[in-house]
Amino acid sequence: MSIVENLNAEIKTAMKEKNAKRLGVVRMLKSKILNVNARGEVSEAEAVKIIKTYAKSLQEAVALAKTAGRTDTAAEVEAELAIVKEYLPPELSAEQLEDVLQGVVSELGKDKAKFGLLMKTALGRLGGQADGALVKDMLNKLLG
């Protein structure tokens, strides 16, 4: 089942259960996808990218709410973020990520001048299973 089909089924379930919070979040995800393609015909990779972008904006909202001392708002947004993360592929562990990056470095060479190429190759292989900032930090550590 594609992500869009899964979202449609989840909307029906949330309506039947009268779960307003979940219904609102799932509808928001669907609207984000429909903003890109009005028919909802997006590839799985594109849908994951859209959902990741939304999750990242929610994480930033949580951070801003916490710095402003608005714990109630931060808790609401964290609850929304938890629902959004259910639709993302599982992230790789630090060991798995390091293994992938070691493979990329051994293949392309341990050269700081090739950092952009290393990042591009690594992110392509990871397919959205790791945060770009985390990949960057770990790659910097490997290149020493």
N, C-alpha and C. Protein backbone atom coordinates (compact mmCIF):
# COMPACT_ATOMS: atom_id res chain seq x y z
N MET A 1 0.85 -1.18 0.00
CA MET A 1 0.00 0.00 0.00
C MET A 1 0.90 1.24 0.00
N SER A 2 0.61 2.18 -0.90
CA SER A 2 1.41 3.39 -0.98
C SER A 2 1.11 4.30 0.21
N ILE A 3 1.94 5.28 0.38
CA ILE A 3 1.76 6.21 1.50
C ILE A 3 0.44 6.97 1.37
N VAL A 4 0.09 7.39 0.15
CA VAL A 4 -1.16 8.14 -0.04
C VAL A 4 -2.36 7.25 0.28
N GLU A 5 -2.32 6.00 -0.17
CA GLU A 5 -3.41 5.06 0.15
C GLU A 5 -3.49 4.82 1.65
N ASN A 6 -2.32 4.71 2.28
CA ASN A 6 -2.26 4.52 3.72
C ASN A 6 -2.85 5.73 4.46
N LEU A 7 -2.56 6.92 3.98
CA LEU A 7 -3.11 8.13 4.59
C LEU A 7 -4.63 8.16 4.45
N ASN A 8 -5.13 7.78 3.27
CA ASN A 8 -6.59 7.75 3.06
C ASN A 8 -7.26 6.77 4.02
N ALA A 9 -6.66 5.59 4.17
CA ALA A 9 -7.22 4.60 5.09
C ALA A 9 -7.15 5.10 6.53
N GLU A 10 -6.06 5.78 6.86
CA GLU A 10 -5.88 6.30 8.22
C GLU A 10 -6.88 7.41 8.52
N ILE A 11 -7.23 8.20 7.51
CA ILE A 11 -8.24 9.25 7.70
C ILE A 11 -9.58 8.61 8.06
N LYS A 12 -9.94 7.57 7.33
CA LYS A 12 -11.21 6.88 7.61
C LYS A 12 -11.22 6.30 9.01
N THR A 13 -10.10 5.68 9.41
CA THR A 13 -10.00 5.08 10.74
C THR A 13 -10.11 6.14 11.82
N ALA A 14 -9.40 7.24 11.64
CA ALA A 14 -9.43 8.31 12.64
C ALA A 14 -10.83 8.92 12.75
N MET A 15 -11.54 9.02 11.63
CA MET A 15 -12.90 9.55 11.67
C MET A 15 -13.83 8.60 12.43
N LYS A 16 -13.68 7.31 12.19
CA LYS A 16 -14.52 6.32 12.88
C LYS A 16 -14.25 6.32 14.37
N GLU A 17 -12.96 6.49 14.74
CA GLU A 17 -12.58 6.49 16.15
C GLU A 17 -12.79 7.84 16.82
N LYS A 18 -13.16 8.84 16.02
CA LYS A 18 -13.35 10.21 16.51
C LYS A 18 -12.09 10.76 17.19
N ASN A 19 -10.95 10.44 16.59
CA ASN A 19 -9.66 10.89 17.08
C ASN A 19 -9.29 12.17 16.32
N ALA A 20 -9.67 13.31 16.86
CA ALA A 20 -9.52 14.59 16.16
C ALA A 20 -8.06 14.96 15.93
N LYS A 21 -7.20 14.72 16.91
CA LYS A 21 -5.80 15.09 16.78
C LYS A 21 -5.15 14.31 15.63
N ARG A 22 -5.33 13.00 15.62
CA ARG A 22 -4.75 12.15 14.58
C ARG A 22 -5.33 12.51 13.21
N LEU A 23 -6.64 12.75 13.17
CA LEU A 23 -7.30 13.11 11.92
C LEU A 23 -6.71 14.40 11.35
N GLY A 24 -6.50 15.38 12.20
CA GLY A 24 -5.92 16.65 11.74
C GLY A 24 -4.52 16.49 11.19
N VAL A 25 -3.71 15.68 11.86
CA VAL A 25 -2.32 15.48 11.43
C VAL A 25 -2.29 14.72 10.10
N VAL A 26 -3.09 13.67 9.99
CA VAL A 26 -3.09 12.87 8.76
C VAL A 26 -3.64 13.69 7.59
N ARG A 27 -4.65 14.49 7.84
CA ARG A 27 -5.16 15.36 6.78
C ARG A 27 -4.10 16.37 6.35
N MET A 28 -3.33 16.87 7.30
CA MET A 28 -2.27 17.82 6.98
C MET A 28 -1.22 17.15 6.08
N LEU A 29 -0.84 15.91 6.43
CA LEU A 29 0.12 15.18 5.61
C LEU A 29 -0.40 14.99 4.19
N LYS A 30 -1.67 14.63 4.10
CA LYS A 30 -2.26 14.42 2.77
C LYS A 30 -2.29 15.73 1.99
N SER A 31 -2.61 16.83 2.65
CA SER A 31 -2.65 18.12 1.95
C SER A 31 -1.26 18.54 1.49
N LYS A 32 -0.23 18.22 2.28
CA LYS A 32 1.15 18.54 1.86
C LYS A 32 1.48 17.79 0.57
N ILE A 33 1.05 16.53 0.49
CA ILE A 33 1.31 15.74 -0.72
C ILE A 33 0.48 16.26 -1.89
N LEU A 34 -0.77 16.62 -1.63
CA LEU A 34 -1.63 17.14 -2.69
C LEU A 34 -1.17 18.51 -3.19
N ASN A 35 -0.45 19.26 -2.36
CA ASN A 35 0.11 20.54 -2.82
C ASN A 35 1.16 20.32 -3.89
N VAL A 36 1.85 19.20 -3.81
CA VAL A 36 2.89 18.89 -4.80
C VAL A 36 2.25 18.35 -6.07
N ASN A 37 1.27 17.46 -5.93
CA ASN A 37 0.59 16.89 -7.07
C ASN A 37 -0.89 16.78 -6.71
N ALA A 38 -1.73 17.50 -7.41
CA ALA A 38 -3.15 17.60 -7.05
C ALA A 38 -3.87 16.26 -7.05
N ARG A 39 -3.35 15.29 -7.78
CA ARG A 39 -4.00 13.98 -7.81
C ARG A 39 -3.42 13.03 -6.77
N GLY A 40 -2.38 13.46 -6.09
CA GLY A 40 -1.76 12.61 -5.09
C GLY A 40 -0.89 11.53 -5.71
N GLU A 41 -0.54 11.71 -6.97
CA GLU A 41 0.28 10.73 -7.68
C GLU A 41 1.75 11.09 -7.52
N VAL A 42 2.31 10.75 -6.39
CA VAL A 42 3.72 10.99 -6.14
C VAL A 42 4.39 9.65 -5.84
N SER A 43 5.68 9.58 -6.13
CA SER A 43 6.41 8.36 -5.83
C SER A 43 6.58 8.24 -4.32
N GLU A 44 6.90 7.03 -3.89
CA GLU A 44 7.11 6.81 -2.45
C GLU A 44 8.25 7.69 -1.95
N ALA A 45 9.32 7.78 -2.72
CA ALA A 45 10.47 8.58 -2.30
C ALA A 45 10.09 10.05 -2.16
N GLU A 46 9.28 10.54 -3.09
CA GLU A 46 8.85 11.94 -3.03
C GLU A 46 7.94 12.17 -1.83
N ALA A 47 7.05 11.22 -1.56
CA ALA A 47 6.15 11.34 -0.41
C ALA A 47 6.95 11.35 0.89
N VAL A 48 7.96 10.48 0.97
CA VAL A 48 8.80 10.45 2.18
C VAL A 48 9.53 11.78 2.34
N LYS A 49 10.00 12.33 1.23
CA LYS A 49 10.71 13.62 1.29
C LYS A 49 9.78 14.73 1.79
N ILE A 50 8.54 14.73 1.33
CA ILE A 50 7.55 15.73 1.77
C ILE A 50 7.28 15.57 3.26
N ILE A 51 7.11 14.34 3.70
CA ILE A 51 6.81 14.09 5.11
C ILE A 51 8.01 14.45 5.97
N LYS A 52 9.23 14.15 5.50
CA LYS A 52 10.44 14.52 6.25
C LYS A 52 10.55 16.02 6.41
N THR A 53 10.24 16.75 5.35
CA THR A 53 10.28 18.21 5.40
C THR A 53 9.31 18.74 6.45
N TYR A 54 8.12 18.16 6.48
CA TYR A 54 7.11 18.57 7.46
C TYR A 54 7.58 18.21 8.87
N ALA A 55 8.16 17.04 9.03
CA ALA A 55 8.66 16.62 10.35
C ALA A 55 9.76 17.56 10.83
N LYS A 56 10.62 17.97 9.90
CA LYS A 56 11.69 18.88 10.28
C LYS A 56 11.14 20.23 10.73
N SER A 57 10.10 20.71 10.05
CA SER A 57 9.50 21.99 10.46
C SER A 57 8.84 21.86 11.83
N LEU A 58 8.27 20.69 12.11
CA LEU A 58 7.69 20.47 13.44
C LEU A 58 8.77 20.43 14.52
N GLN A 59 9.91 19.81 14.20
CA GLN A 59 11.02 19.77 15.17
C GLN A 59 11.51 21.18 15.48
N GLU A 60 11.59 22.02 14.45
CA GLU A 60 12.00 23.40 14.66
C GLU A 60 10.97 24.14 15.52
N ALA A 61 9.68 23.86 15.30
CA ALA A 61 8.63 24.49 16.09
C ALA A 61 8.72 24.08 17.55
N VAL A 62 9.05 22.82 17.80
CA VAL A 62 9.23 22.35 19.18
C VAL A 62 10.38 23.09 19.84
N ALA A 63 11.49 23.21 19.12
CA ALA A 63 12.66 23.89 19.67
C ALA A 63 12.34 25.36 19.99
N LEU A 64 11.63 26.02 19.07
CA LEU A 64 11.26 27.42 19.29
C LEU A 64 10.31 27.56 20.48
N ALA A 65 9.36 26.66 20.59
CA ALA A 65 8.41 26.72 21.70
C ALA A 65 9.12 26.51 23.03
N LYS A 66 10.09 25.60 23.06
CA LYS A 66 10.81 25.34 24.31
C LYS A 66 11.68 26.52 24.69
N THR A 67 12.33 27.16 23.72
CA THR A 67 13.17 28.31 24.04
C THR A 67 12.32 29.49 24.50
N ALA A 68 11.08 29.56 24.02
CA ALA A 68 10.18 30.63 24.43
C ALA A 68 9.48 30.31 25.74
N GLY A 69 9.71 29.11 26.28
CA GLY A 69 9.10 28.73 27.54
C GLY A 69 7.65 28.29 27.41
N ARG A 70 7.22 27.94 26.22
CA ARG A 70 5.84 27.52 25.98
C ARG A 70 5.78 25.99 25.97
N THR A 71 5.82 25.40 27.14
CA THR A 71 5.85 23.94 27.23
C THR A 71 4.54 23.30 26.76
N ASP A 72 3.43 24.00 26.92
CA ASP A 72 2.15 23.46 26.46
C ASP A 72 2.13 23.33 24.93
N THR A 73 2.59 24.37 24.25
CA THR A 73 2.67 24.33 22.78
C THR A 73 3.67 23.28 22.33
N ALA A 74 4.81 23.21 23.01
CA ALA A 74 5.83 22.23 22.65
C ALA A 74 5.29 20.81 22.78
N ALA A 75 4.51 20.54 23.82
CA ALA A 75 3.94 19.21 24.02
C ALA A 75 2.95 18.86 22.90
N GLU A 76 2.14 19.83 22.49
CA GLU A 76 1.18 19.60 21.40
C GLU A 76 1.90 19.28 20.10
N VAL A 77 2.93 20.05 19.80
CA VAL A 77 3.66 19.85 18.55
C VAL A 77 4.44 18.53 18.60
N GLU A 78 4.97 18.17 19.76
CA GLU A 78 5.66 16.87 19.89
C GLU A 78 4.70 15.72 19.66
N ALA A 79 3.47 15.84 20.12
CA ALA A 79 2.46 14.80 19.89
C ALA A 79 2.17 14.68 18.39
N GLU A 80 2.09 15.82 17.72
CA GLU A 80 1.87 15.83 16.27
C GLU A 80 3.06 15.20 15.55
N LEU A 81 4.26 15.53 16.01
CA LEU A 81 5.48 14.98 15.42
C LEU A 81 5.54 13.47 15.57
N ALA A 82 5.09 12.95 16.69
CA ALA A 82 5.08 11.50 16.91
C ALA A 82 4.19 10.80 15.88
N ILE A 83 3.07 11.41 15.56
CA ILE A 83 2.17 10.84 14.55
C ILE A 83 2.82 10.90 13.17
N VAL A 84 3.45 12.01 12.86
CA VAL A 84 4.10 12.17 11.55
C VAL A 84 5.21 11.14 11.37
N LYS A 85 5.98 10.89 12.43
CA LYS A 85 7.10 9.95 12.34
C LYS A 85 6.66 8.52 12.04
N GLU A 86 5.40 8.21 12.30
CA GLU A 86 4.88 6.87 12.00
C GLU A 86 4.90 6.59 10.49
N TYR A 87 4.88 7.64 9.69
CA TYR A 87 4.83 7.49 8.23
C TYR A 87 6.21 7.56 7.59
N LEU A 88 7.24 7.75 8.38
CA LEU A 88 8.60 7.80 7.87
C LEU A 88 9.27 6.43 7.99
N PRO A 89 10.19 6.12 7.07
CA PRO A 89 10.91 4.85 7.22
C PRO A 89 11.78 4.91 8.47
N PRO A 90 12.06 3.75 9.08
CA PRO A 90 12.89 3.76 10.29
C PRO A 90 14.30 4.28 9.99
N GLU A 91 14.82 5.06 10.92
CA GLU A 91 16.16 5.61 10.74
C GLU A 91 17.20 4.55 11.07
N LEU A 92 18.35 4.64 10.43
CA LEU A 92 19.44 3.71 10.68
C LEU A 92 20.08 4.00 12.03
N SER A 93 20.60 2.97 12.66
CA SER A 93 21.34 3.17 13.91
C SER A 93 22.69 3.79 13.58
N ALA A 94 23.38 4.28 14.59
CA ALA A 94 24.68 4.92 14.39
C ALA A 94 25.68 3.93 13.77
N GLU A 95 25.63 2.67 14.19
CA GLU A 95 26.56 1.66 13.66
C GLU A 95 26.27 1.38 12.19
N GLN A 96 24.99 1.24 11.85
CA GLN A 96 24.62 0.99 10.45
C GLN A 96 25.00 2.17 9.57
N LEU A 97 24.77 3.37 10.06
CA LEU A 97 25.13 4.57 9.32
C LEU A 97 26.63 4.64 9.11
N GLU A 98 27.38 4.34 10.15
CA GLU A 98 28.84 4.38 10.03
C GLU A 98 29.33 3.34 9.01
N ASP A 99 28.71 2.16 8.99
CA ASP A 99 29.09 1.14 8.01
C ASP A 99 28.87 1.63 6.58
N VAL A 100 27.73 2.26 6.33
CA VAL A 100 27.43 2.78 4.99
C VAL A 100 28.44 3.86 4.62
N LEU A 101 28.73 4.75 5.56
CA LEU A 101 29.66 5.84 5.28
C LEU A 101 31.09 5.32 5.07
N GLN A 102 31.48 4.31 5.83
CA GLN A 102 32.81 3.71 5.63
C GLN A 102 32.91 3.14 4.22
N GLY A 103 31.84 2.50 3.76
CA GLY A 103 31.82 1.95 2.40
C GLY A 103 31.96 3.03 1.36
N VAL A 104 31.27 4.14 1.54
CA VAL A 104 31.35 5.26 0.59
C VAL A 104 32.76 5.85 0.59
N VAL A 105 33.33 6.03 1.78
CA VAL A 105 34.68 6.61 1.90
C VAL A 105 35.71 5.68 1.27
N SER A 106 35.60 4.39 1.51
CA SER A 106 36.57 3.45 0.94
C SER A 106 36.43 3.38 -0.58
N GLU A 107 35.23 3.56 -1.08
CA GLU A 107 34.99 3.51 -2.52
C GLU A 107 35.51 4.76 -3.24
N LEU A 108 35.26 5.94 -2.65
CA LEU A 108 35.61 7.20 -3.31
C LEU A 108 36.91 7.81 -2.83
N GLY A 109 37.45 7.31 -1.73
CA GLY A 109 38.70 7.84 -1.21
C GLY A 109 38.48 8.78 -0.05
N LYS A 110 39.45 8.76 0.87
CA LYS A 110 39.36 9.58 2.08
C LYS A 110 40.00 10.93 1.81
N ASP A 111 39.22 11.80 1.16
CA ASP A 111 39.74 13.10 0.74
C ASP A 111 38.71 14.17 1.08
N LYS A 112 39.14 15.15 1.90
CA LYS A 112 38.24 16.24 2.30
C LYS A 112 37.76 17.05 1.09
N ALA A 113 38.58 17.10 0.04
CA ALA A 113 38.21 17.87 -1.15
C ALA A 113 37.00 17.27 -1.85
N LYS A 114 36.75 15.99 -1.64
CA LYS A 114 35.62 15.30 -2.26
C LYS A 114 34.40 15.24 -1.33
N PHE A 115 34.34 16.11 -0.34
CA PHE A 115 33.28 16.05 0.66
C PHE A 115 31.89 16.12 0.03
N GLY A 116 31.70 17.02 -0.92
CA GLY A 116 30.40 17.16 -1.58
C GLY A 116 29.98 15.88 -2.30
N LEU A 117 30.93 15.29 -2.99
CA LEU A 117 30.65 14.04 -3.70
C LEU A 117 30.35 12.91 -2.71
N LEU A 118 31.11 12.88 -1.62
CA LEU A 118 30.87 11.87 -0.58
C LEU A 118 29.47 12.02 0.02
N MET A 119 29.08 13.26 0.31
CA MET A 119 27.75 13.51 0.89
C MET A 119 26.65 13.10 -0.09
N LYS A 120 26.81 13.48 -1.35
CA LYS A 120 25.81 13.16 -2.36
C LYS A 120 25.65 11.65 -2.51
N THR A 121 26.76 10.94 -2.58
CA THR A 121 26.72 9.49 -2.72
C THR A 121 26.11 8.84 -1.49
N ALA A 122 26.52 9.31 -0.31
CA ALA A 122 26.02 8.73 0.94
C ALA A 122 24.52 8.95 1.07
N LEU A 123 24.06 10.16 0.83
CA LEU A 123 22.63 10.45 0.96
C LEU A 123 21.82 9.68 -0.08
N GLY A 124 22.38 9.47 -1.26
CA GLY A 124 21.71 8.67 -2.27
C GLY A 124 21.55 7.22 -1.84
N ARG A 125 22.57 6.68 -1.23
CA ARG A 125 22.52 5.29 -0.77
C ARG A 125 21.60 5.13 0.44
N LEU A 126 21.57 6.14 1.28
CA LEU A 126 20.75 6.04 2.50
C LEU A 126 19.27 6.18 2.20
N GLY A 127 18.93 6.87 1.15
CA GLY A 127 17.53 6.98 0.75
C GLY A 127 16.61 7.54 1.81
N GLY A 128 17.06 8.54 2.53
CA GLY A 128 16.20 9.18 3.53
C GLY A 128 16.13 8.46 4.86
N GLN A 129 17.02 7.50 5.08
CA GLN A 129 16.99 6.76 6.35
C GLN A 129 17.88 7.38 7.41
N ALA A 130 18.45 8.54 7.12
CA ALA A 130 19.27 9.24 8.11
C ALA A 130 19.18 10.73 7.86
N ASP A 131 19.29 11.49 8.92
CA ASP A 131 19.25 12.95 8.83
C ASP A 131 20.53 13.46 8.19
N GLY A 132 20.40 14.42 7.30
CA GLY A 132 21.55 14.96 6.58
C GLY A 132 22.60 15.55 7.51
N ALA A 133 22.17 16.23 8.56
CA ALA A 133 23.12 16.83 9.51
C ALA A 133 23.93 15.74 10.22
N LEU A 134 23.28 14.65 10.57
CA LEU A 134 23.96 13.53 11.22
C LEU A 134 24.97 12.89 10.27
N VAL A 135 24.58 12.74 9.01
CA VAL A 135 25.49 12.18 8.01
C VAL A 135 26.71 13.08 7.85
N LYS A 136 26.47 14.39 7.80
CA LYS A 136 27.56 15.35 7.66
C LYS A 136 28.53 15.26 8.83
N ASP A 137 28.00 15.23 10.05
CA ASP A 137 28.85 15.15 11.24
C ASP A 137 29.67 13.87 11.25
N MET A 138 29.03 12.75 10.95
CA MET A 138 29.73 11.48 10.98
C MET A 138 30.77 11.39 9.87
N LEU A 139 30.45 11.95 8.71
CA LEU A 139 31.40 11.96 7.60
C LEU A 139 32.61 12.82 7.93
N ASN A 140 32.37 13.96 8.58
CA ASN A 140 33.50 14.81 9.01
C ASN A 140 34.39 14.05 10.00
N LYS A 141 33.78 13.31 10.91
CA LYS A 141 34.53 12.54 11.88
C LYS A 141 35.37 11.46 11.19
N LEU A 142 34.79 10.80 10.19
CA LEU A 142 35.52 9.75 9.47
C LEU A 142 36.68 10.32 8.66
N LEU A 143 36.49 11.50 8.10
CA LEU A 143 37.56 12.10 7.30
C LEU A 143 38.65 12.71 8.18
N GLY A 144 38.30 12.95 9.42
CA GLY A 144 39.27 13.43 10.42
C GLY A 144 39.81 14.75 10.08
